[in-house]
Amino acid sequence: MDARIVDIFLLGPVQILVGLHVKNPLLKLFMIITGIANIVYNGHNFLYFQYKRDISPMFHKIVDPIHGKTQLHRLYNVLIMYPVFLYVYLTTPLPVWLRFIFFFDITIGFIFNLANFIKLSKC
């Protein structure tokens, strides 16, 4: 299964749901915008890579035509996005099922982005 499908239909919506539980208005906004961006970005990349659609002009600078994410995007995810997610996870009361999925999102996403950043840096 394409990881982008999981981002579109599970992890993006989970980030939005987590955002609805966050009390801090800036963190709430960050989580909701990140969830929406995750859905849109991965939806675009799914169509591009699966069906060879053209890269939308608004995505030219942030989509690598071979690997999807740029290295800068992976670095942002590892150094900023996932640490913020972890802070939200540790400080926000969430239903058990949402905590479980959000923890999965943080753990797998961090490992996936870091591993790909290291692997592609060696090329």
N, C-alpha and C. Protein backbone atom coordinates (compact mmCIF):
# COMPACT_ATOMS: atom_id res chain seq x y z
N MET A 1 0.84 -1.19 0.00
CA MET A 1 0.00 0.00 0.00
C MET A 1 0.88 1.24 0.00
N ASP A 2 0.48 2.22 -0.74
CA ASP A 2 1.21 3.48 -0.83
C ASP A 2 1.04 4.26 0.48
N ALA A 3 2.17 4.69 1.07
CA ALA A 3 2.13 5.44 2.34
C ALA A 3 1.32 6.72 2.21
N ARG A 4 1.24 7.25 0.99
CA ARG A 4 0.48 8.50 0.80
C ARG A 4 -1.01 8.29 1.09
N ILE A 5 -1.54 7.10 0.80
CA ILE A 5 -2.95 6.81 1.08
C ILE A 5 -3.19 6.87 2.58
N VAL A 6 -2.25 6.34 3.36
CA VAL A 6 -2.37 6.39 4.83
C VAL A 6 -2.35 7.84 5.29
N ASP A 7 -1.47 8.66 4.71
CA ASP A 7 -1.42 10.08 5.06
C ASP A 7 -2.72 10.80 4.71
N ILE A 8 -3.27 10.49 3.55
CA ILE A 8 -4.49 11.17 3.07
C ILE A 8 -5.70 10.81 3.92
N PHE A 9 -5.88 9.53 4.18
CA PHE A 9 -7.14 9.08 4.79
C PHE A 9 -7.05 8.78 6.29
N LEU A 10 -5.84 8.72 6.85
CA LEU A 10 -5.73 8.44 8.28
C LEU A 10 -4.96 9.53 9.02
N LEU A 11 -3.70 9.73 8.66
CA LEU A 11 -2.85 10.60 9.47
C LEU A 11 -3.19 12.08 9.35
N GLY A 12 -3.50 12.54 8.15
CA GLY A 12 -3.93 13.95 8.01
C GLY A 12 -5.18 14.24 8.83
N PRO A 13 -6.24 13.43 8.67
CA PRO A 13 -7.43 13.64 9.51
C PRO A 13 -7.15 13.51 11.01
N VAL A 14 -6.26 12.60 11.41
CA VAL A 14 -5.91 12.46 12.83
C VAL A 14 -5.24 13.74 13.33
N GLN A 15 -4.36 14.32 12.53
CA GLN A 15 -3.72 15.57 12.94
C GLN A 15 -4.76 16.68 13.13
N ILE A 16 -5.75 16.72 12.27
CA ILE A 16 -6.83 17.71 12.42
C ILE A 16 -7.61 17.43 13.70
N LEU A 17 -7.97 16.17 13.93
CA LEU A 17 -8.71 15.82 15.15
C LEU A 17 -7.92 16.15 16.41
N VAL A 18 -6.62 15.86 16.40
CA VAL A 18 -5.78 16.20 17.55
C VAL A 18 -5.81 17.71 17.75
N GLY A 19 -5.71 18.46 16.65
CA GLY A 19 -5.75 19.92 16.74
C GLY A 19 -7.00 20.44 17.41
N LEU A 20 -8.12 19.76 17.20
CA LEU A 20 -9.37 20.19 17.83
C LEU A 20 -9.35 20.00 19.35
N HIS A 21 -8.45 19.17 19.87
CA HIS A 21 -8.33 18.94 21.32
C HIS A 21 -7.31 19.88 21.98
N VAL A 22 -6.48 20.53 21.17
CA VAL A 22 -5.41 21.38 21.71
C VAL A 22 -5.99 22.69 22.22
N LYS A 23 -5.54 23.12 23.40
CA LYS A 23 -6.04 24.37 24.01
C LYS A 23 -5.29 25.60 23.49
N ASN A 24 -3.97 25.48 23.34
CA ASN A 24 -3.15 26.61 22.88
C ASN A 24 -3.55 26.96 21.44
N PRO A 25 -3.97 28.23 21.19
CA PRO A 25 -4.47 28.57 19.85
C PRO A 25 -3.42 28.43 18.74
N LEU A 26 -2.15 28.72 19.03
CA LEU A 26 -1.12 28.57 17.99
C LEU A 26 -0.86 27.10 17.66
N LEU A 27 -0.79 26.27 18.69
CA LEU A 27 -0.59 24.84 18.46
C LEU A 27 -1.81 24.22 17.78
N LYS A 28 -3.01 24.68 18.16
CA LYS A 28 -4.24 24.20 17.53
C LYS A 28 -4.20 24.51 16.03
N LEU A 29 -3.85 25.75 15.71
CA LEU A 29 -3.76 26.17 14.31
C LEU A 29 -2.69 25.37 13.57
N PHE A 30 -1.52 25.18 14.21
CA PHE A 30 -0.44 24.41 13.62
C PHE A 30 -0.90 23.00 13.28
N MET A 31 -1.57 22.35 14.22
CA MET A 31 -2.01 20.97 14.00
C MET A 31 -3.06 20.88 12.89
N ILE A 32 -4.01 21.79 12.88
CA ILE A 32 -5.07 21.75 11.87
C ILE A 32 -4.50 22.05 10.48
N ILE A 33 -3.66 23.08 10.38
CA ILE A 33 -3.05 23.42 9.09
C ILE A 33 -2.15 22.29 8.60
N THR A 34 -1.38 21.69 9.52
CA THR A 34 -0.51 20.59 9.14
C THR A 34 -1.33 19.40 8.63
N GLY A 35 -2.43 19.10 9.28
CA GLY A 35 -3.29 18.00 8.82
C GLY A 35 -3.86 18.25 7.44
N ILE A 36 -4.35 19.47 7.21
CA ILE A 36 -4.89 19.82 5.89
C ILE A 36 -3.78 19.78 4.84
N ALA A 37 -2.63 20.35 5.16
CA ALA A 37 -1.50 20.34 4.22
C ALA A 37 -1.06 18.91 3.91
N ASN A 38 -1.06 18.06 4.91
CA ASN A 38 -0.69 16.65 4.72
C ASN A 38 -1.63 15.98 3.71
N ILE A 39 -2.92 16.22 3.85
CA ILE A 39 -3.90 15.63 2.94
C ILE A 39 -3.71 16.16 1.52
N VAL A 40 -3.58 17.48 1.38
CA VAL A 40 -3.45 18.09 0.05
C VAL A 40 -2.13 17.68 -0.62
N TYR A 41 -1.03 17.80 0.11
CA TYR A 41 0.30 17.49 -0.44
C TYR A 41 0.40 16.02 -0.85
N ASN A 42 -0.02 15.12 0.02
CA ASN A 42 0.08 13.70 -0.30
C ASN A 42 -0.95 13.28 -1.35
N GLY A 43 -2.10 13.94 -1.38
CA GLY A 43 -3.07 13.68 -2.45
C GLY A 43 -2.49 14.08 -3.80
N HIS A 44 -1.85 15.23 -3.84
CA HIS A 44 -1.20 15.68 -5.07
C HIS A 44 -0.11 14.69 -5.49
N ASN A 45 0.74 14.31 -4.55
CA ASN A 45 1.84 13.41 -4.88
C ASN A 45 1.34 12.02 -5.27
N PHE A 46 0.26 11.56 -4.66
CA PHE A 46 -0.31 10.28 -5.05
C PHE A 46 -0.74 10.32 -6.52
N LEU A 47 -1.46 11.37 -6.90
CA LEU A 47 -1.90 11.49 -8.29
C LEU A 47 -0.70 11.62 -9.24
N TYR A 48 0.31 12.38 -8.81
CA TYR A 48 1.50 12.57 -9.65
C TYR A 48 2.24 11.25 -9.87
N PHE A 49 2.52 10.52 -8.81
CA PHE A 49 3.33 9.31 -8.92
C PHE A 49 2.54 8.09 -9.41
N GLN A 50 1.28 7.98 -9.07
CA GLN A 50 0.49 6.83 -9.49
C GLN A 50 -0.06 6.97 -10.91
N TYR A 51 -0.45 8.19 -11.26
CA TYR A 51 -1.14 8.39 -12.53
C TYR A 51 -0.40 9.34 -13.46
N LYS A 52 0.84 9.67 -13.11
CA LYS A 52 1.72 10.50 -13.94
C LYS A 52 1.08 11.83 -14.36
N ARG A 53 0.35 12.40 -13.41
CA ARG A 53 -0.20 13.75 -13.64
C ARG A 53 0.94 14.74 -13.54
N ASP A 54 0.78 15.91 -14.13
CA ASP A 54 1.80 16.95 -14.02
C ASP A 54 1.85 17.46 -12.59
N ILE A 55 3.04 17.91 -12.18
CA ILE A 55 3.16 18.56 -10.87
C ILE A 55 2.48 19.91 -10.98
N SER A 56 1.57 20.16 -10.05
CA SER A 56 0.88 21.44 -10.03
C SER A 56 1.90 22.56 -9.85
N PRO A 57 1.74 23.69 -10.54
CA PRO A 57 2.70 24.80 -10.40
C PRO A 57 2.93 25.24 -8.95
N MET A 58 1.90 25.13 -8.10
CA MET A 58 2.09 25.55 -6.72
C MET A 58 2.97 24.57 -5.93
N PHE A 59 3.24 23.39 -6.48
CA PHE A 59 4.06 22.39 -5.81
C PHE A 59 5.46 22.23 -6.41
N HIS A 60 5.79 22.98 -7.46
CA HIS A 60 7.07 22.79 -8.15
C HIS A 60 8.28 22.84 -7.22
N LYS A 61 8.29 23.73 -6.28
CA LYS A 61 9.47 23.89 -5.42
C LYS A 61 9.51 22.92 -4.25
N ILE A 62 8.40 22.26 -3.97
CA ILE A 62 8.38 21.38 -2.79
C ILE A 62 8.17 19.91 -3.13
N VAL A 63 8.12 19.58 -4.41
CA VAL A 63 8.00 18.18 -4.83
C VAL A 63 9.21 17.80 -5.65
N ASP A 64 9.92 16.78 -5.21
CA ASP A 64 11.01 16.21 -5.98
C ASP A 64 10.38 15.21 -6.94
N PRO A 65 10.58 15.38 -8.27
CA PRO A 65 9.91 14.51 -9.23
C PRO A 65 10.32 13.04 -9.15
N ILE A 66 11.39 12.73 -8.42
CA ILE A 66 11.82 11.34 -8.28
C ILE A 66 11.44 10.77 -6.92
N HIS A 67 11.69 11.52 -5.85
CA HIS A 67 11.50 11.01 -4.49
C HIS A 67 10.28 11.57 -3.77
N GLY A 68 9.59 12.50 -4.33
CA GLY A 68 8.44 13.11 -3.66
C GLY A 68 8.86 14.29 -2.80
N LYS A 69 9.14 14.02 -1.54
CA LYS A 69 9.57 15.09 -0.64
C LYS A 69 10.99 15.53 -0.98
N THR A 70 11.22 16.82 -0.79
CA THR A 70 12.59 17.32 -0.91
C THR A 70 13.31 17.02 0.40
N GLN A 71 14.63 17.10 0.37
CA GLN A 71 15.41 16.89 1.59
C GLN A 71 15.09 17.97 2.62
N LEU A 72 14.87 19.20 2.17
CA LEU A 72 14.51 20.28 3.10
C LEU A 72 13.19 19.97 3.80
N HIS A 73 12.25 19.41 3.07
CA HIS A 73 10.96 19.03 3.66
C HIS A 73 11.15 17.95 4.72
N ARG A 74 11.99 16.95 4.43
CA ARG A 74 12.27 15.90 5.42
C ARG A 74 12.92 16.48 6.67
N LEU A 75 13.86 17.40 6.45
CA LEU A 75 14.55 18.04 7.57
C LEU A 75 13.57 18.83 8.43
N TYR A 76 12.66 19.56 7.80
CA TYR A 76 11.61 20.29 8.53
C TYR A 76 10.77 19.31 9.37
N ASN A 77 10.39 18.19 8.76
CA ASN A 77 9.58 17.22 9.49
C ASN A 77 10.31 16.69 10.72
N VAL A 78 11.59 16.34 10.55
CA VAL A 78 12.36 15.75 11.64
C VAL A 78 12.70 16.76 12.73
N LEU A 79 13.07 17.97 12.35
CA LEU A 79 13.54 18.96 13.34
C LEU A 79 12.46 19.87 13.91
N ILE A 80 11.35 20.02 13.20
CA ILE A 80 10.31 20.94 13.68
C ILE A 80 8.96 20.25 13.87
N MET A 81 8.43 19.66 12.80
CA MET A 81 7.07 19.14 12.88
C MET A 81 6.91 18.02 13.92
N TYR A 82 7.73 16.99 13.84
CA TYR A 82 7.55 15.89 14.79
C TYR A 82 7.88 16.26 16.23
N PRO A 83 8.87 17.11 16.49
CA PRO A 83 9.02 17.58 17.88
C PRO A 83 7.80 18.35 18.40
N VAL A 84 7.18 19.17 17.54
CA VAL A 84 5.96 19.86 17.95
C VAL A 84 4.84 18.84 18.20
N PHE A 85 4.72 17.85 17.32
CA PHE A 85 3.72 16.79 17.51
C PHE A 85 3.96 16.09 18.85
N LEU A 86 5.21 15.79 19.16
CA LEU A 86 5.52 15.10 20.42
C LEU A 86 5.13 15.97 21.61
N TYR A 87 5.40 17.27 21.53
CA TYR A 87 5.01 18.18 22.61
C TYR A 87 3.48 18.16 22.79
N VAL A 88 2.76 18.23 21.67
CA VAL A 88 1.29 18.18 21.73
C VAL A 88 0.84 16.84 22.34
N TYR A 89 1.46 15.76 21.91
CA TYR A 89 1.12 14.43 22.43
C TYR A 89 1.30 14.37 23.95
N LEU A 90 2.39 14.95 24.44
CA LEU A 90 2.71 14.88 25.87
C LEU A 90 1.89 15.84 26.73
N THR A 91 1.32 16.88 26.13
CA THR A 91 0.65 17.92 26.92
C THR A 91 -0.86 18.03 26.68
N THR A 92 -1.39 17.24 25.77
CA THR A 92 -2.81 17.37 25.43
C THR A 92 -3.58 16.10 25.79
N PRO A 93 -4.61 16.23 26.62
CA PRO A 93 -5.45 15.05 26.89
C PRO A 93 -6.21 14.64 25.62
N LEU A 94 -6.06 13.38 25.25
CA LEU A 94 -6.72 12.85 24.05
C LEU A 94 -7.41 11.53 24.39
N PRO A 95 -8.47 11.19 23.65
CA PRO A 95 -9.05 9.86 23.83
C PRO A 95 -7.99 8.79 23.53
N VAL A 96 -8.09 7.65 24.18
CA VAL A 96 -7.08 6.59 24.05
C VAL A 96 -6.84 6.20 22.59
N TRP A 97 -7.89 6.00 21.82
CA TRP A 97 -7.74 5.58 20.43
C TRP A 97 -6.98 6.63 19.61
N LEU A 98 -7.24 7.92 19.90
CA LEU A 98 -6.58 9.00 19.18
C LEU A 98 -5.11 9.11 19.60
N ARG A 99 -4.85 8.93 20.90
CA ARG A 99 -3.46 8.93 21.39
C ARG A 99 -2.65 7.83 20.71
N PHE A 100 -3.25 6.66 20.59
CA PHE A 100 -2.57 5.52 19.97
C PHE A 100 -2.21 5.82 18.51
N ILE A 101 -3.17 6.30 17.73
CA ILE A 101 -2.91 6.60 16.32
C ILE A 101 -1.93 7.75 16.18
N PHE A 102 -2.07 8.77 17.03
CA PHE A 102 -1.17 9.93 16.96
C PHE A 102 0.26 9.51 17.32
N PHE A 103 0.41 8.64 18.30
CA PHE A 103 1.74 8.13 18.66
C PHE A 103 2.34 7.36 17.48
N PHE A 104 1.54 6.54 16.83
CA PHE A 104 1.96 5.82 15.62
C PHE A 104 2.41 6.81 14.55
N ASP A 105 1.63 7.86 14.33
CA ASP A 105 1.95 8.90 13.36
C ASP A 105 3.32 9.51 13.66
N ILE A 106 3.54 9.90 14.90
CA ILE A 106 4.80 10.55 15.30
C ILE A 106 5.98 9.58 15.13
N THR A 107 5.84 8.39 15.65
CA THR A 107 6.94 7.42 15.66
C THR A 107 7.33 6.99 14.25
N ILE A 108 6.36 6.50 13.50
CA ILE A 108 6.64 6.01 12.15
C ILE A 108 7.08 7.16 11.24
N GLY A 109 6.41 8.31 11.35
CA GLY A 109 6.76 9.46 10.52
C GLY A 109 8.17 9.95 10.77
N PHE A 110 8.55 10.04 12.03
CA PHE A 110 9.89 10.50 12.37
C PHE A 110 10.94 9.53 11.82
N ILE A 111 10.75 8.24 12.06
CA ILE A 111 11.70 7.23 11.60
C ILE A 111 11.78 7.23 10.07
N PHE A 112 10.64 7.25 9.41
CA PHE A 112 10.58 7.23 7.94
C PHE A 112 11.31 8.44 7.35
N ASN A 113 11.02 9.64 7.87
CA ASN A 113 11.65 10.85 7.34
C ASN A 113 13.15 10.89 7.62
N LEU A 114 13.55 10.51 8.83
CA LEU A 114 14.97 10.51 9.17
C LEU A 114 15.73 9.48 8.33
N ALA A 115 15.18 8.28 8.20
CA ALA A 115 15.85 7.22 7.42
C ALA A 115 15.99 7.63 5.96
N ASN A 116 14.95 8.20 5.38
CA ASN A 116 15.04 8.64 3.99
C ASN A 116 15.97 9.83 3.82
N PHE A 117 15.99 10.71 4.80
CA PHE A 117 16.93 11.84 4.72
C PHE A 117 18.37 11.31 4.70
N ILE A 118 18.69 10.37 5.59
CA ILE A 118 20.04 9.82 5.66
C ILE A 118 20.36 9.04 4.37
N LYS A 119 19.43 8.20 3.94
CA LYS A 119 19.65 7.39 2.73
C LYS A 119 19.90 8.26 1.51
N LEU A 120 19.07 9.30 1.31
CA LEU A 120 19.21 10.15 0.14
C LEU A 120 20.39 11.10 0.25
N SER A 121 20.86 11.36 1.46
CA SER A 121 22.03 12.22 1.64
C SER A 121 23.30 11.51 1.16
N LYS A 122 23.29 10.19 1.19
CA LYS A 122 24.45 9.39 0.78
C LYS A 122 24.56 9.28 -0.74
N CYS A 123 23.48 9.58 -1.46
CA CYS A 123 23.47 9.45 -2.93
C CYS A 123 24.25 10.56 -3.58
